[in-house]
Amino acid sequence: MSTYATPIVHEMFPYLRVRNANAAIDYYQRAFGARLRLRLDEPGTGRVGHAELELGPAVLMVSDEYPEHGIVGPESVGGTSVSIHLHVDNADNALARAVAAGGTLVRPAQDAFYGERGGTVRDPFGHEWLIGHSIEDVTPEEMQRRYDALMAEG
């Protein structure tokens, strides 16, 4: 058993590493309406050392790859095991905008058992975004019942 106190988490920020942060910042602005809050450019190289984008109340951090420090993105490692979920007012429109900005539709919008309509888009840098909106309030018990039924269907 640890003698250390449990940390109190105040915020959590997704931090995306990409091969071309300039293009990624532009894409996130066009696709999701992100607003650039902070940007630090590495002198002499043009690499983005750190950028912060506001997406509604959330902050997304972005940097260029720094392979010399082991900092690489999905394009360099052959994919990603993480997805980012954006809860929006209209998933169909948000997915269409993300695709129009250069993303690839992975899964079109559909209604789901857990009370959300949503789909998935992969951005041009290899990150996947689950984009959805609420269509009904579902209790945890009802969600489990629906999940069990879905899994029983195979």
Protein backbone atom coordinates (compact mmCIF):
# COMPACT_ATOMS: atom_id res chain seq x y z
CA MET A 1 0.00 0.00 0.00
CA SER A 2 1.31 3.40 -1.00
CA THR A 3 2.12 6.02 1.60
CA TYR A 4 1.57 8.78 -0.95
CA ALA A 5 -1.63 10.77 -1.00
CA THR A 6 -3.93 10.33 -3.98
CA PRO A 7 -3.36 13.28 -6.31
CA ILE A 8 -6.20 15.69 -6.84
CA VAL A 9 -6.62 16.12 -10.58
CA HIS A 10 -7.66 19.63 -11.56
CA GLU A 11 -7.69 19.32 -15.34
CA MET A 12 -6.74 16.90 -18.10
CA PHE A 13 -5.53 17.94 -21.54
CA PRO A 14 -5.15 15.76 -24.61
CA TYR A 15 -1.70 16.40 -26.05
CA LEU A 16 -1.31 15.41 -29.69
CA ARG A 17 2.04 14.86 -31.33
CA VAL A 18 1.93 15.27 -35.09
CA ARG A 19 4.31 15.27 -38.02
CA ASN A 20 3.18 18.72 -39.20
CA ALA A 21 1.84 20.86 -36.35
CA ASN A 22 1.31 23.90 -38.59
CA ALA A 23 -1.08 21.91 -40.77
CA ALA A 24 -2.69 20.26 -37.73
CA ILE A 25 -3.44 23.61 -36.10
CA ASP A 26 -4.99 24.81 -39.34
CA TYR A 27 -7.05 21.60 -39.65
CA TYR A 28 -8.35 21.75 -36.06
CA GLN A 29 -9.36 25.37 -36.60
CA ARG A 30 -11.22 24.58 -39.84
CA ALA A 31 -12.68 21.24 -38.74
CA PHE A 32 -13.66 21.96 -35.14
CA GLY A 33 -13.63 25.75 -34.84
CA ALA A 34 -10.60 25.64 -32.52
CA ARG A 35 -9.14 28.94 -31.40
CA LEU A 36 -5.38 29.29 -31.01
CA ARG A 37 -4.59 30.30 -27.44
CA LEU A 38 -0.82 29.88 -27.31
CA ARG A 39 1.93 28.88 -29.70
CA LEU A 40 5.67 28.44 -29.11
CA ASP A 41 7.81 28.00 -32.21
CA GLU A 42 11.28 26.52 -31.97
CA PRO A 43 13.76 29.16 -33.13
CA GLY A 44 15.47 28.36 -36.40
CA THR A 45 13.60 25.13 -37.19
CA GLY A 46 9.99 26.15 -37.71
CA ARG A 47 8.82 23.29 -35.50
CA VAL A 48 5.95 23.97 -33.13
CA GLY A 49 7.26 23.16 -29.68
CA HIS A 50 3.89 23.66 -28.03
CA ALA A 51 0.48 25.01 -29.02
CA GLU A 52 -2.78 25.26 -27.14
CA LEU A 53 -6.13 25.31 -28.92
CA GLU A 54 -9.47 25.99 -27.31
CA LEU A 55 -12.36 23.80 -28.42
CA GLY A 56 -15.31 25.14 -26.47
CA PRO A 57 -14.37 24.75 -22.80
CA ALA A 58 -11.63 22.20 -23.55
CA VAL A 59 -7.98 22.75 -24.35
CA LEU A 60 -6.12 20.63 -26.90
CA MET A 61 -2.33 20.73 -26.83
CA VAL A 62 -0.33 20.05 -30.00
CA SER A 63 3.34 19.80 -30.88
CA ASP A 64 5.46 18.73 -33.77
CA GLU A 65 7.25 15.42 -33.56
CA TYR A 66 10.65 15.42 -31.88
CA PRO A 67 11.93 11.96 -32.79
CA GLU A 68 15.32 12.75 -31.27
CA HIS A 69 13.49 12.81 -27.91
CA GLY A 70 11.15 9.88 -28.63
CA ILE A 71 8.19 12.21 -29.31
CA VAL A 72 6.40 10.83 -32.35
CA GLY A 73 2.86 10.81 -33.68
CA PRO A 74 0.54 8.25 -35.29
CA GLU A 75 2.05 8.63 -38.76
CA SER A 76 5.46 7.59 -37.42
CA VAL A 77 4.23 4.68 -35.31
CA GLY A 78 1.67 3.34 -37.78
CA GLY A 79 -1.57 4.34 -36.03
CA THR A 80 -2.98 5.38 -32.71
CA SER A 81 -4.53 3.47 -29.82
CA VAL A 82 -6.29 6.55 -28.45
CA SER A 83 -9.36 8.40 -29.65
CA ILE A 84 -10.71 11.76 -28.62
CA HIS A 85 -14.44 12.14 -28.02
CA LEU A 86 -16.05 15.45 -28.91
CA HIS A 87 -19.57 15.95 -27.62
CA VAL A 88 -21.20 18.47 -29.95
CA ASP A 89 -24.64 19.87 -30.75
CA ASN A 90 -24.95 18.04 -34.10
CA ALA A 91 -22.70 15.06 -34.84
CA ASP A 92 -23.72 14.74 -38.49
CA ASN A 93 -22.76 18.34 -39.23
CA ALA A 94 -19.54 18.14 -37.21
CA LEU A 95 -18.46 14.96 -39.00
CA ALA A 96 -19.23 16.50 -42.40
CA ARG A 97 -17.20 19.61 -41.52
CA ALA A 98 -14.24 17.50 -40.32
CA VAL A 99 -14.30 15.49 -43.55
CA ALA A 100 -14.63 18.64 -45.68
CA ALA A 101 -11.56 20.05 -43.90
CA GLY A 102 -9.52 17.00 -44.93
CA GLY A 103 -10.39 14.23 -42.47
CA THR A 104 -11.34 10.68 -43.42
CA LEU A 105 -14.70 9.25 -42.37
CA VAL A 106 -14.07 6.03 -40.45
CA ARG A 107 -17.61 5.40 -39.23
CA PRO A 108 -20.65 7.40 -40.33
CA ALA A 109 -23.04 8.79 -37.72
CA GLN A 110 -25.52 6.34 -36.29
CA ASP A 111 -27.67 6.05 -33.21
CA ALA A 112 -26.09 4.00 -30.42
CA PHE A 113 -27.46 1.98 -27.52
CA TYR A 114 -25.95 4.34 -24.95
CA GLY A 115 -28.12 7.28 -26.02
CA GLU A 116 -25.81 9.07 -28.41
CA ARG A 117 -25.67 9.61 -32.15
CA GLY A 118 -22.13 9.66 -33.37
CA GLY A 119 -19.44 8.62 -35.78
CA THR A 120 -15.68 8.64 -36.19
CA VAL A 121 -13.30 10.69 -38.32
CA ARG A 122 -9.54 10.28 -38.67
CA ASP A 123 -7.69 13.57 -39.00
CA PRO A 124 -4.95 13.94 -41.62
CA PHE A 125 -2.33 13.26 -38.92
CA GLY A 126 -3.65 9.86 -37.80
CA HIS A 127 -5.66 10.81 -34.71
CA GLU A 128 -9.22 9.50 -34.42
CA TRP A 129 -12.09 11.65 -33.21
CA LEU A 130 -15.37 10.20 -31.97
CA ILE A 131 -17.95 12.89 -32.57
CA GLY A 132 -21.39 12.58 -31.04
CA HIS A 133 -24.42 14.24 -29.54
CA SER A 134 -26.93 13.06 -26.98
CA ILE A 135 -30.26 11.67 -28.25
CA GLU A 136 -31.62 10.28 -24.97
CA ASP A 137 -30.77 9.93 -21.31
CA VAL A 138 -30.00 6.30 -20.50
CA THR A 139 -29.46 5.02 -16.97
CA PRO A 140 -26.39 2.90 -16.33
CA GLU A 141 -28.65 -0.11 -15.70
CA GLU A 142 -30.50 0.33 -19.01
CA MET A 143 -27.22 0.89 -20.81
CA GLN A 144 -25.88 -2.40 -19.40
CA ARG A 145 -29.09 -4.19 -20.42
CA ARG A 146 -28.79 -2.85 -23.97
CA TYR A 147 -25.10 -3.69 -24.10
CA ASP A 148 -25.79 -7.25 -22.96
CA ALA A 149 -28.45 -7.63 -25.65
CA LEU A 150 -26.11 -6.24 -28.30
CA MET A 151 -23.33 -8.63 -27.30
CA ALA A 152 -25.78 -11.58 -27.31
CA GLU A 153 -26.63 -10.76 -30.95
CA GLY A 154 -23.00 -11.34 -31.85
